[in-house]
Amino acid sequence: MKRQTDLTKRRAVDLCRVAACLCRMR
């Protein structure tokens, strides 16, 4: 279960980074 939460957290961080990059490009 802990591993699942870690993966979810990592994915959330990746999404945040992508969103920030998109916002900067705009």
Protein backbone atom coordinates (compact mmCIF):
# COMPACT_ATOMS: atom_id res chain seq x y z
CA MET A 1 0.00 0.00 0.00
CA LYS A 2 2.81 2.41 0.85
CA ARG A 3 4.37 1.83 -2.56
CA GLN A 4 1.06 2.72 -4.24
CA THR A 5 0.87 6.05 -2.37
CA ASP A 6 4.48 6.78 -3.33
CA LEU A 7 3.67 6.22 -7.00
CA THR A 8 0.59 8.43 -6.77
CA LYS A 9 2.59 11.17 -5.07
CA ARG A 10 5.29 10.98 -7.73
CA ARG A 11 2.68 11.15 -10.50
CA ALA A 12 1.05 14.17 -8.83
CA VAL A 13 4.43 15.93 -8.63
CA ASP A 14 5.09 15.17 -12.31
CA LEU A 15 1.68 16.58 -13.25
CA CYS A 16 2.40 19.72 -11.22
CA ARG A 17 5.74 20.17 -12.98
CA VAL A 18 4.14 19.74 -16.41
CA ALA A 19 1.40 22.23 -15.51
CA ALA A 20 4.02 24.74 -14.34
CA CYS A 21 5.97 24.31 -17.60
CA LEU A 22 2.80 24.86 -19.65
CA CYS A 23 1.92 27.95 -17.62
CA ARG A 24 5.43 29.35 -18.18
CA MET A 25 5.29 28.72 -21.94
CA ARG A 26 2.00 30.63 -22.12
